[in-house]
Amino acid sequence: MTQLISLLAAMLILVPFAMTLLSRMTTTSVSYLTMNLIGSVALTAIAIAGRQYGFILLEGVWALMSAIGLVRTLRRPIPYDMSSPNRKTK
């Protein structure tokens, strides 16, 4: 079961990475950061259980940076689009 979780968690990190290289996703998108956060937290937990200190460091920092990026992205104000057809004029 741990191997299945590890594979799924790795895919949650690798798929968005590949998507950014293919210009299908940005590294600051909520979906990219959320998938990275979930995948890295799962891999960190598995590394802790196995006492794999190098992977604890790698995935723990990955999770931390993903969380920081996600918080920053969610706090960023949504830009107002002046060209929007739904824009109300006086």
Protein backbone atom coordinates (compact mmCIF):
# COMPACT_ATOMS: atom_id res chain seq x y z
CA MET A 1 0.00 0.00 0.00
CA THR A 2 2.88 2.36 0.78
CA GLN A 3 4.29 1.82 -2.70
CA LEU A 4 0.96 2.75 -4.30
CA ILE A 5 0.74 5.93 -2.22
CA SER A 6 4.35 6.77 -3.11
CA LEU A 7 3.66 6.35 -6.82
CA LEU A 8 0.51 8.47 -6.71
CA ALA A 9 2.29 11.15 -4.68
CA ALA A 10 5.20 11.20 -7.12
CA MET A 11 2.74 11.60 -10.00
CA LEU A 12 1.21 14.59 -8.20
CA ILE A 13 4.62 16.23 -8.41
CA LEU A 14 5.78 15.01 -11.81
CA VAL A 15 2.61 15.69 -13.83
CA PRO A 16 2.46 19.42 -13.04
CA PHE A 17 6.21 19.67 -13.61
CA ALA A 18 5.81 18.18 -17.08
CA MET A 19 2.81 20.43 -17.73
CA THR A 20 4.90 23.52 -17.02
CA LEU A 21 7.60 22.34 -19.42
CA LEU A 22 4.89 21.90 -22.06
CA SER A 23 3.50 25.38 -21.31
CA ARG A 24 0.18 23.91 -20.17
CA MET A 25 0.43 25.16 -16.58
CA THR A 26 2.26 27.86 -14.67
CA THR A 27 4.29 27.33 -11.52
CA THR A 28 2.19 29.92 -9.71
CA SER A 29 -1.19 28.35 -10.50
CA VAL A 30 -3.28 27.06 -7.62
CA SER A 31 -3.55 23.62 -9.26
CA TYR A 32 0.24 23.31 -9.71
CA LEU A 33 0.99 24.34 -6.14
CA THR A 34 -1.79 22.23 -4.63
CA MET A 35 -0.69 19.07 -6.44
CA ASN A 36 2.93 19.70 -5.40
CA LEU A 37 1.89 20.29 -1.79
CA ILE A 38 -0.23 17.13 -1.54
CA GLY A 39 2.39 14.98 -3.27
CA SER A 40 5.30 16.27 -1.23
CA VAL A 41 3.45 15.99 2.10
CA ALA A 42 2.58 12.36 1.32
CA LEU A 43 6.16 11.58 0.33
CA THR A 44 7.46 13.34 3.44
CA ALA A 45 5.21 11.21 5.65
CA ILE A 46 6.42 8.04 3.93
CA ALA A 47 10.05 9.16 4.30
CA ILE A 48 9.50 9.84 8.01
CA ALA A 49 8.01 6.38 8.50
CA GLY A 50 11.05 4.86 6.77
CA ARG A 51 13.55 7.15 8.52
CA GLN A 52 14.94 8.25 5.17
CA TYR A 53 16.49 11.53 6.30
CA GLY A 54 17.61 12.76 2.89
CA PHE A 55 14.10 12.37 1.52
CA ILE A 56 12.60 13.92 4.65
CA LEU A 57 14.72 16.99 3.97
CA LEU A 58 13.99 17.04 0.23
CA GLU A 59 10.24 16.47 0.42
CA GLY A 60 9.80 18.49 3.61
CA VAL A 61 11.37 21.56 2.01
CA TRP A 62 9.38 20.90 -1.18
CA ALA A 63 6.16 20.82 0.86
CA LEU A 64 7.10 23.98 2.76
CA MET A 65 7.91 25.92 -0.41
CA SER A 66 4.73 24.68 -2.10
CA ALA A 67 2.69 25.82 0.90
CA ILE A 68 4.34 29.26 0.89
CA GLY A 69 3.74 29.60 -2.85
CA LEU A 70 0.11 28.53 -2.48
CA VAL A 71 -0.55 31.02 0.32
CA ARG A 72 1.05 33.82 -1.68
CA THR A 73 -0.95 32.92 -4.77
CA LEU A 74 -4.21 32.80 -2.84
CA ARG A 75 -3.49 36.16 -1.19
CA ARG A 76 -2.65 37.86 -4.48
CA PRO A 77 -5.37 40.28 -5.54
CA ILE A 78 -7.24 39.39 -8.71
CA PRO A 79 -6.37 41.96 -11.39
CA TYR A 80 -9.26 43.98 -12.75
CA ASP A 81 -9.65 43.52 -16.50
CA MET A 82 -10.60 46.83 -18.10
CA SER A 83 -11.41 45.08 -21.37
CA SER A 84 -13.96 42.75 -19.80
CA PRO A 85 -17.30 42.77 -21.59
CA ASN A 86 -19.03 42.59 -18.19
CA ARG A 87 -17.41 45.84 -17.06
CA LYS A 88 -19.97 48.42 -16.02
CA THR A 89 -19.49 51.94 -17.30
CA LYS A 90 -21.00 55.18 -16.02
